[in-house]
């Protein structure tokens, strides 16, 4: 069986299991199997695949058939301009979270020397991307999950930033650090009873703790705002991701806690997704 036939075999199996990205996923999994690029495979479609490699390919297909995300199978995900290691202990980075990076860059310059705090760092993709863009800045990144924090540290090392980011295994309620210029976060914001509506691959494989935001979806966002009031310098920025339909009530929470809402950024689907606010007092 050559590469073309192998790709069709994989695509057909994934399509049968209702994987919408069956063609692309088959190419990615064969690339992983052969440890070569998709482009090289597509340029050598007549090449025959070895039996042991075909067996490995089938095992990877089996994982994807069960709806395991491609990012967890390949252990990598692109975010901003970088590749990050991921597994089922961390949330898979989403494109909409890149809006936070964009806003940080708009509010700083290349020679900025600011102090950042990321609350709930997960894979570390957000804080690492920011510090790579602003190399004179320093950051602290916290997470309640020790397993997630280990992955974040691994990614910081991979991008040569382990000495620029202080990783701390701590809950948001127990933070007693110094004052920061910026606090960034992608907190859990999905209502508890809406979790059942999530895509099957998300429900089964991604960490529950990264999504569940309580009955109203605002439990962790409330904590984030209240804690940021204590941890931010005057005129410091709080930039964070929110869920669908939450912007109006969160604006009231921000105002109540002495924040001015600078703007709300919509994602590619025109859903309010990121809030930029300034601590006034």
C-alpha atoms as a PDB file:
ATOM      1  CA  UNK A   1       0.000   0.000   0.000  1.00  0.00           C
ATOM      2  CA  UNK A   2       1.443   3.368  -1.008  1.00  0.00           C
ATOM      3  CA  UNK A   3       1.058   6.722   0.753  1.00  0.00           C
ATOM      4  CA  UNK A   4      -1.906   7.766  -1.401  1.00  0.00           C
ATOM      5  CA  UNK A   5      -3.800   4.583  -0.589  1.00  0.00           C
ATOM      6  CA  UNK A   6      -2.838   4.879   3.083  1.00  0.00           C
ATOM      7  CA  UNK A   7      -4.158   8.432   3.265  1.00  0.00           C
ATOM      8  CA  UNK A   8      -7.439   7.369   1.663  1.00  0.00           C
ATOM      9  CA  UNK A   9      -7.699   4.444   4.072  1.00  0.00           C
ATOM     10  CA  UNK A  10      -7.273   6.791   7.017  1.00  0.00           C
ATOM     11  CA  UNK A  11      -9.588   9.453   5.649  1.00  0.00           C
ATOM     12  CA  UNK A  12     -12.351   6.932   4.948  1.00  0.00           C
ATOM     13  CA  UNK A  13     -12.123   5.450   8.450  1.00  0.00           C
ATOM     14  CA  UNK A  14     -12.296   8.858  10.102  1.00  0.00           C
ATOM     15  CA  UNK A  15     -15.130   9.990   7.858  1.00  0.00           C
ATOM     16  CA  UNK A  16     -17.094   6.890   8.875  1.00  0.00           C
ATOM     17  CA  UNK A  17     -16.719   8.009  12.489  1.00  0.00           C
ATOM     18  CA  UNK A  18     -18.018  11.494  11.647  1.00  0.00           C
ATOM     19  CA  UNK A  19     -14.689  13.313  11.880  1.00  0.00           C
ATOM     20  CA  UNK A  20     -15.255  16.429   9.769  1.00  0.00           C
ATOM     21  CA  UNK A  21     -11.540  17.062   9.256  1.00  0.00           C
ATOM     22  CA  UNK A  22     -10.922  13.481   8.105  1.00  0.00           C
ATOM     23  CA  UNK A  23      -8.677  14.345   5.128  1.00  0.00           C
ATOM     24  CA  UNK A  24      -6.447  16.745   7.069  1.00  0.00           C
ATOM     25  CA  UNK A  25      -6.330  14.492  10.123  1.00  0.00           C
ATOM     26  CA  UNK A  26      -5.289  11.500   8.031  1.00  0.00           C
ATOM     27  CA  UNK A  27      -2.409  13.542   6.612  1.00  0.00           C
ATOM     28  CA  UNK A  28      -1.341  14.752  10.075  1.00  0.00           C
ATOM     29  CA  UNK A  29      -1.420  11.260  11.563  1.00  0.00           C
ATOM     30  CA  UNK A  30       0.548   9.763   8.678  1.00  0.00           C
ATOM     31  CA  UNK A  31       3.058  12.586   9.048  1.00  0.00           C
ATOM     32  CA  UNK A  32       3.386  11.719  12.738  1.00  0.00           C
ATOM     33  CA  UNK A  33       3.726   8.017  11.911  1.00  0.00           C
ATOM     34  CA  UNK A  34       6.499   8.572   9.385  1.00  0.00           C
ATOM     35  CA  UNK A  35       8.129  11.448  11.291  1.00  0.00           C
ATOM     36  CA  UNK A  36       8.153  13.593   8.185  1.00  0.00           C
ATOM     37  CA  UNK A  37       6.253  16.580   6.852  1.00  0.00           C
ATOM     38  CA  UNK A  38       2.853  16.441   5.186  1.00  0.00           C
ATOM     39  CA  UNK A  39       4.379  18.204   2.196  1.00  0.00           C
ATOM     40  CA  UNK A  40       6.991  15.483   1.742  1.00  0.00           C
ATOM     41  CA  UNK A  41       4.301  12.795   1.930  1.00  0.00           C
ATOM     42  CA  UNK A  42       2.193  14.559  -0.696  1.00  0.00           C
ATOM     43  CA  UNK A  43       5.228  14.810  -2.954  1.00  0.00           C
ATOM     44  CA  UNK A  44       5.892  11.058  -2.670  1.00  0.00           C
ATOM     45  CA  UNK A  45       2.436   9.494  -2.869  1.00  0.00           C
ATOM     46  CA  UNK A  46       3.696   6.479  -4.812  1.00  0.00           C
ATOM     47  CA  UNK A  47       6.041   5.430  -2.010  1.00  0.00           C
ATOM     48  CA  UNK A  48       5.015   2.241  -0.238  1.00  0.00           C
ATOM     49  CA  UNK A  49       4.467   2.283   3.514  1.00  0.00           C
ATOM     50  CA  UNK A  50       6.226  -0.332   5.653  1.00  0.00           C
ATOM     51  CA  UNK A  51       4.051  -2.812   7.527  1.00  0.00           C
ATOM     52  CA  UNK A  52       5.144  -1.703  11.003  1.00  0.00           C
ATOM     53  CA  UNK A  53       4.460   1.922  10.103  1.00  0.00           C
ATOM     54  CA  UNK A  54       1.017   1.047   8.780  1.00  0.00           C
ATOM     55  CA  UNK A  55       0.202  -0.704  12.069  1.00  0.00           C
ATOM     56  CA  UNK A  56       1.308   2.377  13.988  1.00  0.00           C
ATOM     57  CA  UNK A  57      -0.841   4.541  11.707  1.00  0.00           C
ATOM     58  CA  UNK A  58      -3.888   2.377  12.434  1.00  0.00           C
ATOM     59  CA  UNK A  59      -3.353   2.759  16.189  1.00  0.00           C
ATOM     60  CA  UNK A  60      -3.288   6.539  15.815  1.00  0.00           C
ATOM     61  CA  UNK A  61      -6.441   6.404  13.694  1.00  0.00           C
ATOM     62  CA  UNK A  62      -8.135   4.382  16.419  1.00  0.00           C
ATOM     63  CA  UNK A  63      -7.447   7.144  18.937  1.00  0.00           C
ATOM     64  CA  UNK A  64      -8.839   9.791  16.616  1.00  0.00           C
ATOM     65  CA  UNK A  65     -11.913   7.663  15.840  1.00  0.00           C
ATOM     66  CA  UNK A  66     -12.734   7.880  19.548  1.00  0.00           C
ATOM     67  CA  UNK A  67     -12.742  11.697  19.187  1.00  0.00           C
ATOM     68  CA  UNK A  68      -9.408  12.254  20.920  1.00  0.00           C
ATOM     69  CA  UNK A  69      -8.199  15.682  19.737  1.00  0.00           C
ATOM     70  CA  UNK A  70      -5.400  15.754  17.192  1.00  0.00           C
ATOM     71  CA  UNK A  71      -3.420  18.053  19.495  1.00  0.00           C
ATOM     72  CA  UNK A  72      -3.326  15.379  22.211  1.00  0.00           C
ATOM     73  CA  UNK A  73      -2.327  12.661  19.749  1.00  0.00           C
ATOM     74  CA  UNK A  74       0.511  14.720  18.283  1.00  0.00           C
ATOM     75  CA  UNK A  75       1.299  16.428  21.624  1.00  0.00           C
ATOM     76  CA  UNK A  76       1.592  19.794  19.955  1.00  0.00           C
ATOM     77  CA  UNK A  77      -0.494  22.829  19.147  1.00  0.00           C
ATOM     78  CA  UNK A  78       0.334  26.082  17.395  1.00  0.00           C
ATOM     79  CA  UNK A  79      -0.502  29.293  19.247  1.00  0.00           C
ATOM     80  CA  UNK A  80       0.421  32.809  18.212  1.00  0.00           C
ATOM     81  CA  UNK A  81       3.736  32.239  16.374  1.00  0.00           C
ATOM     82  CA  UNK A  82       4.885  29.237  18.352  1.00  0.00           C
ATOM     83  CA  UNK A  83       4.463  25.484  18.821  1.00  0.00           C
ATOM     84  CA  UNK A  84       3.590  24.219  22.292  1.00  0.00           C
ATOM     85  CA  UNK A  85       3.608  20.800  23.907  1.00  0.00           C
ATOM     86  CA  UNK A  86       0.150  19.763  25.124  1.00  0.00           C
ATOM     87  CA  UNK A  87      -1.519  16.713  26.612  1.00  0.00           C
ATOM     88  CA  UNK A  88      -4.792  15.955  28.369  1.00  0.00           C
ATOM     89  CA  UNK A  89      -3.659  17.736  31.532  1.00  0.00           C
ATOM     90  CA  UNK A  90      -4.038  21.135  29.853  1.00  0.00           C
ATOM     91  CA  UNK A  91      -6.621  22.950  27.788  1.00  0.00           C
ATOM     92  CA  UNK A  92      -5.836  22.971  24.071  1.00  0.00           C
ATOM     93  CA  UNK A  93      -4.924  26.563  23.097  1.00  0.00           C
ATOM     94  CA  UNK A  94      -7.635  28.291  21.045  1.00  0.00           C
ATOM     95  CA  UNK A  95      -7.203  31.033  18.414  1.00  0.00           C
ATOM     96  CA  UNK A  96      -9.510  33.427  20.298  1.00  0.00           C
ATOM     97  CA  UNK A  97      -7.097  33.520  23.240  1.00  0.00           C
ATOM     98  CA  UNK A  98      -4.546  35.094  20.895  1.00  0.00           C
ATOM     99  CA  UNK A  99      -6.665  38.254  21.187  1.00  0.00           C
ATOM    100  CA  UNK A 100      -5.201  38.680  24.678  1.00  0.00           C
ATOM    101  CA  UNK A 101      -1.668  38.643  23.234  1.00  0.00           C
ATOM    102  CA  UNK A 102      -2.694  41.212  20.633  1.00  0.00           C
ATOM    103  CA  UNK A 103      -4.073  43.546  23.295  1.00  0.00           C
ATOM    104  CA  UNK A 104      -0.982  43.234  25.462  1.00  0.00           C
ATOM    105  CA  UNK A 105       1.194  44.169  22.492  1.00  0.00           C
ATOM    106  CA  UNK A 106      -1.007  47.181  21.746  1.00  0.00           C
ATOM    107  CA  UNK A 107      -0.591  48.372  25.323  1.00  0.00           C
ATOM    108  CA  UNK A 108       3.193  47.918  25.502  1.00  0.00           C
ATOM    109  CA  UNK A 109       6.228  48.468  23.302  1.00  0.00           C
ATOM    110  CA  UNK A 110       9.161  46.222  22.462  1.00  0.00           C
ATOM    111  CA  UNK A 111      11.353  47.793  25.153  1.00  0.00           C
ATOM    112  CA  UNK A 112       8.700  47.699  27.886  1.00  0.00           C
ATOM    113  CA  UNK A 113       9.867  46.425  31.269  1.00  0.00           C
ATOM    114  CA  UNK A 114       6.590  45.392  32.868  1.00  0.00           C
ATOM    115  CA  UNK A 115       5.558  42.803  35.427  1.00  0.00           C
ATOM    116  CA  UNK A 116       2.921  40.286  34.330  1.00  0.00           C
ATOM    117  CA  UNK A 117       0.797  37.812  36.222  1.00  0.00           C
ATOM    118  CA  UNK A 118      -1.093  35.057  34.452  1.00  0.00           C
ATOM    119  CA  UNK A 119      -3.802  33.366  36.487  1.00  0.00           C
ATOM    120  CA  UNK A 120      -4.494  29.806  35.319  1.00  0.00           C
ATOM    121  CA  UNK A 121      -1.575  29.354  32.935  1.00  0.00           C
ATOM    122  CA  UNK A 122      -2.386  25.817  31.716  1.00  0.00           C
ATOM    123  CA  UNK A 123       0.080  25.000  28.934  1.00  0.00           C
ATOM    124  CA  UNK A 124       1.804  28.349  29.410  1.00  0.00           C
ATOM    125  CA  UNK A 125       1.069  29.334  25.811  1.00  0.00           C
ATOM    126  CA  UNK A 126      -0.256  32.783  26.734  1.00  0.00           C
ATOM    127  CA  UNK A 127       2.495  33.941  29.075  1.00  0.00           C
ATOM    128  CA  UNK A 128       5.262  32.427  26.934  1.00  0.00           C
ATOM    129  CA  UNK A 129       3.920  34.130  23.792  1.00  0.00           C
ATOM    130  CA  UNK A 130       3.766  37.484  25.598  1.00  0.00           C
ATOM    131  CA  UNK A 131       7.261  37.306  27.064  1.00  0.00           C
ATOM    132  CA  UNK A 132       8.731  36.203  23.732  1.00  0.00           C
ATOM    133  CA  UNK A 133       7.275  39.372  22.205  1.00  0.00           C
ATOM    134  CA  UNK A 134       8.328  41.571  25.145  1.00  0.00           C
ATOM    135  CA  UNK A 135      11.718  40.152  26.200  1.00  0.00           C
ATOM    136  CA  UNK A 136      12.454  42.857  28.797  1.00  0.00           C
ATOM    137  CA  UNK A 137       9.350  41.925  30.782  1.00  0.00           C
ATOM    138  CA  UNK A 138       9.064  39.375  33.574  1.00  0.00           C
ATOM    139  CA  UNK A 139       6.107  37.240  34.571  1.00  0.00           C
ATOM    140  CA  UNK A 140       4.639  35.063  37.268  1.00  0.00           C
ATOM    141  CA  UNK A 141       2.291  32.309  36.109  1.00  0.00           C
ATOM    142  CA  UNK A 142       0.104  30.339  38.487  1.00  0.00           C
ATOM    143  CA  UNK A 143      -2.064  27.262  38.210  1.00  0.00           C
ATOM    144  CA  UNK A 144      -3.883  25.077  40.695  1.00  0.00           C
ATOM    145  CA  UNK A 145      -2.857  21.967  38.731  1.00  0.00           C
ATOM    146  CA  UNK A 146       0.695  20.777  39.337  1.00  0.00           C
ATOM    147  CA  UNK A 147       0.534  18.621  36.187  1.00  0.00           C
ATOM    148  CA  UNK A 148      -0.462  21.631  34.082  1.00  0.00           C
ATOM    149  CA  UNK A 149       2.304  23.696  35.648  1.00  0.00           C
ATOM    150  CA  UNK A 150       4.895  21.077  34.721  1.00  0.00           C
ATOM    151  CA  UNK A 151       3.807  21.348  31.101  1.00  0.00           C
ATOM    152  CA  UNK A 152       3.955  25.147  31.254  1.00  0.00           C
ATOM    153  CA  UNK A 153       7.503  24.925  32.614  1.00  0.00           C
ATOM    154  CA  UNK A 154       8.439  22.511  29.835  1.00  0.00           C
ATOM    155  CA  UNK A 155       7.128  24.954  27.231  1.00  0.00           C
ATOM    156  CA  UNK A 156       8.999  27.854  28.838  1.00  0.00           C
ATOM    157  CA  UNK A 157      12.218  25.823  28.700  1.00  0.00           C
ATOM    158  CA  UNK A 158      11.543  24.855  25.096  1.00  0.00           C
ATOM    159  CA  UNK A 159      11.251  28.550  24.211  1.00  0.00           C
ATOM    160  CA  UNK A 160      14.264  29.532  26.364  1.00  0.00           C
ATOM    161  CA  UNK A 161      12.220  31.597  28.810  1.00  0.00           C
ATOM    162  CA  UNK A 162      12.408  29.568  32.019  1.00  0.00           C
ATOM    163  CA  UNK A 163      14.450  32.325  33.692  1.00  0.00           C
ATOM    164  CA  UNK A 164      11.910  35.003  32.730  1.00  0.00           C
ATOM    165  CA  UNK A 165       8.780  33.334  34.127  1.00  0.00           C
ATOM    166  CA  UNK A 166       8.188  32.277  37.720  1.00  0.00           C
ATOM    167  CA  UNK A 167       5.763  29.333  37.825  1.00  0.00           C
ATOM    168  CA  UNK A 168       3.824  28.804  41.060  1.00  0.00           C
ATOM    169  CA  UNK A 169       1.452  25.976  42.003  1.00  0.00           C
ATOM    170  CA  UNK A 170      -1.193  27.914  43.938  1.00  0.00           C
ATOM    171  CA  UNK A 171      -4.925  28.642  43.969  1.00  0.00           C
ATOM    172  CA  UNK A 172      -6.136  32.118  43.058  1.00  0.00           C
ATOM    173  CA  UNK A 173      -7.581  32.584  46.570  1.00  0.00           C
ATOM    174  CA  UNK A 174      -4.144  32.207  48.150  1.00  0.00           C
ATOM    175  CA  UNK A 175      -2.117  34.571  45.973  1.00  0.00           C
ATOM    176  CA  UNK A 176      -0.198  37.104  48.067  1.00  0.00           C
ATOM    177  CA  UNK A 177       2.356  38.412  45.595  1.00  0.00           C
ATOM    178  CA  UNK A 178       3.581  41.913  44.769  1.00  0.00           C
ATOM    179  CA  UNK A 179       1.948  44.468  42.469  1.00  0.00           C
ATOM    180  CA  UNK A 180       1.726  43.892  38.712  1.00  0.00           C
ATOM    181  CA  UNK A 181       1.386  46.076  35.625  1.00  0.00           C
ATOM    182  CA  UNK A 182      -0.682  43.472  33.768  1.00  0.00           C
ATOM    183  CA  UNK A 183      -2.827  40.516  34.774  1.00  0.00           C
ATOM    184  CA  UNK A 184      -3.960  38.187  31.992  1.00  0.00           C
ATOM    185  CA  UNK A 185      -6.191  35.155  32.188  1.00  0.00           C
ATOM    186  CA  UNK A 186      -8.374  32.709  30.306  1.00  0.00           C
ATOM    187  CA  UNK A 187     -10.498  31.609  33.273  1.00  0.00           C
ATOM    188  CA  UNK A 188     -13.129  28.838  33.326  1.00  0.00           C
ATOM    189  CA  UNK A 189     -16.361  30.563  32.260  1.00  0.00           C
ATOM    190  CA  UNK A 190     -18.790  27.911  31.037  1.00  0.00           C
ATOM    191  CA  UNK A 191     -21.943  27.400  33.094  1.00  0.00           C
ATOM    192  CA  UNK A 192     -21.943  24.073  34.901  1.00  0.00           C
ATOM    193  CA  UNK A 193     -25.138  22.891  33.224  1.00  0.00           C
ATOM    194  CA  UNK A 194     -23.919  23.926  29.771  1.00  0.00           C
ATOM    195  CA  UNK A 195     -20.937  21.582  29.892  1.00  0.00           C
ATOM    196  CA  UNK A 196     -23.051  18.733  28.537  1.00  0.00           C
ATOM    197  CA  UNK A 197     -23.512  20.704  25.309  1.00  0.00           C
ATOM    198  CA  UNK A 198     -19.806  20.871  24.565  1.00  0.00           C
ATOM    199  CA  UNK A 199     -18.323  18.903  21.699  1.00  0.00           C
ATOM    200  CA  UNK A 200     -17.723  15.284  22.593  1.00  0.00           C
ATOM    201  CA  UNK A 201     -13.959  15.558  22.172  1.00  0.00           C
ATOM    202  CA  UNK A 202     -13.900  18.444  24.636  1.00  0.00           C
ATOM    203  CA  UNK A 203     -16.122  16.763  27.235  1.00  0.00           C
ATOM    204  CA  UNK A 204     -14.253  13.478  27.185  1.00  0.00           C
ATOM    205  CA  UNK A 205     -10.636  14.532  26.821  1.00  0.00           C
ATOM    206  CA  UNK A 206     -10.004  18.109  27.967  1.00  0.00           C
ATOM    207  CA  UNK A 207      -9.668  18.957  31.681  1.00  0.00           C
ATOM    208  CA  UNK A 208     -13.020  19.715  33.315  1.00  0.00           C
ATOM    209  CA  UNK A 209     -11.405  22.224  35.668  1.00  0.00           C
ATOM    210  CA  UNK A 210     -10.392  24.420  32.725  1.00  0.00           C
ATOM    211  CA  UNK A 211     -14.011  24.956  31.623  1.00  0.00           C
ATOM    212  CA  UNK A 212     -16.379  24.798  34.582  1.00  0.00           C
ATOM    213  CA  UNK A 213     -17.221  28.277  35.881  1.00  0.00           C
ATOM    214  CA  UNK A 214     -19.955  27.459  38.358  1.00  0.00           C
ATOM    215  CA  UNK A 215     -23.729  27.751  38.091  1.00  0.00           C
ATOM    216  CA  UNK A 216     -23.651  31.128  36.326  1.00  0.00           C
ATOM    217  CA  UNK A 217     -20.243  30.735  34.663  1.00  0.00           C
ATOM    218  CA  UNK A 218     -18.932  33.706  36.647  1.00  0.00           C
ATOM    219  CA  UNK A 219     -17.453  32.066  39.758  1.00  0.00           C
ATOM    220  CA  UNK A 220     -13.823  32.209  38.628  1.00  0.00           C
ATOM    221  CA  UNK A 221     -14.235  35.536  36.823  1.00  0.00           C
ATOM    222  CA  UNK A 222     -15.505  37.097  40.063  1.00  0.00           C
ATOM    223  CA  UNK A 223     -12.456  35.773  41.889  1.00  0.00           C
ATOM    224  CA  UNK A 224     -10.181  37.031  39.114  1.00  0.00           C
ATOM    225  CA  UNK A 225     -11.543  40.589  39.271  1.00  0.00           C
ATOM    226  CA  UNK A 226     -11.559  40.803  43.065  1.00  0.00           C
ATOM    227  CA  UNK A 227      -8.022  39.443  43.330  1.00  0.00           C
ATOM    228  CA  UNK A 228      -6.772  41.648  40.489  1.00  0.00           C
ATOM    229  CA  UNK A 229      -8.026  44.703  42.383  1.00  0.00           C
ATOM    230  CA  UNK A 230      -5.478  43.858  45.102  1.00  0.00           C
ATOM    231  CA  UNK A 231      -2.638  42.713  42.860  1.00  0.00           C
ATOM    232  CA  UNK A 232      -2.622  45.359  40.136  1.00  0.00           C
ATOM    233  CA  UNK A 233      -0.824  48.671  40.353  1.00  0.00           C
ATOM    234  CA  UNK A 234      -2.949  51.778  39.892  1.00  0.00           C
ATOM    235  CA  UNK A 235      -3.697  52.098  36.147  1.00  0.00           C
ATOM    236  CA  UNK A 236      -2.654  48.474  35.698  1.00  0.00           C
ATOM    237  CA  UNK A 237      -4.434  46.427  33.031  1.00  0.00           C
ATOM    238  CA  UNK A 238      -6.610  43.353  33.504  1.00  0.00           C
ATOM    239  CA  UNK A 239      -7.083  41.547  30.182  1.00  0.00           C
ATOM    240  CA  UNK A 240      -9.100  38.345  30.165  1.00  0.00           C
ATOM    241  CA  UNK A 241     -11.286  36.042  28.113  1.00  0.00           C
ATOM    242  CA  UNK A 242     -15.047  35.706  28.678  1.00  0.00           C
ATOM    243  CA  UNK A 243     -17.916  33.537  27.514  1.00  0.00           C
ATOM    244  CA  UNK A 244     -20.889  34.181  25.281  1.00  0.00           C
ATOM    245  CA  UNK A 245     -23.439  36.601  26.752  1.00  0.00           C
ATOM    246  CA  UNK A 246     -21.329  37.568  29.781  1.00  0.00           C
ATOM    247  CA  UNK A 247     -19.975  40.991  28.820  1.00  0.00           C
ATOM    248  CA  UNK A 248     -22.725  43.191  30.316  1.00  0.00           C
ATOM    249  CA  UNK A 249     -22.782  41.592  33.761  1.00  0.00           C
ATOM    250  CA  UNK A 250     -18.971  41.441  33.886  1.00  0.00           C
ATOM    251  CA  UNK A 251     -18.818  45.152  33.087  1.00  0.00           C
ATOM    252  CA  UNK A 252     -20.920  45.783  36.211  1.00  0.00           C
ATOM    253  CA  UNK A 253     -18.592  43.594  38.296  1.00  0.00           C
ATOM    254  CA  UNK A 254     -15.569  45.492  36.970  1.00  0.00           C
ATOM    255  CA  UNK A 255     -17.124  48.886  37.743  1.00  0.00           C
ATOM    256  CA  UNK A 256     -18.102  47.751  41.245  1.00  0.00           C
ATOM    257  CA  UNK A 257     -14.475  46.818  41.923  1.00  0.00           C
ATOM    258  CA  UNK A 258     -12.908  50.039  40.690  1.00  0.00           C
ATOM    259  CA  UNK A 259     -12.099  49.086  37.114  1.00  0.00           C
ATOM    260  CA  UNK A 260     -12.766  51.054  33.946  1.00  0.00           C
ATOM    261  CA  UNK A 261     -13.725  48.925  30.947  1.00  0.00           C
ATOM    262  CA  UNK A 262     -11.558  50.108  28.061  1.00  0.00           C
ATOM    263  CA  UNK A 263     -13.011  47.839  25.405  1.00  0.00           C
ATOM    264  CA  UNK A 264     -14.486  44.480  24.530  1.00  0.00           C
ATOM    265  CA  UNK A 265     -12.952  42.605  21.598  1.00  0.00           C
ATOM    266  CA  UNK A 266     -15.040  40.262  19.497  1.00  0.00           C
ATOM    267  CA  UNK A 267     -13.760  36.987  18.115  1.00  0.00           C
ATOM    268  CA  UNK A 268     -13.976  35.801  14.513  1.00  0.00           C
ATOM    269  CA  UNK A 269     -17.628  34.836  15.099  1.00  0.00           C
ATOM    270  CA  UNK A 270     -18.424  38.377  16.334  1.00  0.00           C
ATOM    271  CA  UNK A 271     -18.908  37.117  19.907  1.00  0.00           C
ATOM    272  CA  UNK A 272     -17.552  39.398  22.686  1.00  0.00           C
ATOM    273  CA  UNK A 273     -14.525  37.399  23.795  1.00  0.00           C
ATOM    274  CA  UNK A 274     -11.850  39.509  25.508  1.00  0.00           C
ATOM    275  CA  UNK A 275     -12.221  42.401  27.956  1.00  0.00           C
ATOM    276  CA  UNK A 276      -9.560  45.049  28.502  1.00  0.00           C
ATOM    277  CA  UNK A 277      -9.920  47.004  31.743  1.00  0.00           C
ATOM    278  CA  UNK A 278      -7.895  49.443  33.842  1.00  0.00           C
ATOM    279  CA  UNK A 279      -7.669  49.612  37.630  1.00  0.00           C
ATOM    280  CA  UNK A 280      -8.569  53.174  38.621  1.00  0.00           C
ATOM    281  CA  UNK A 281      -7.931  53.147  42.368  1.00  0.00           C
END
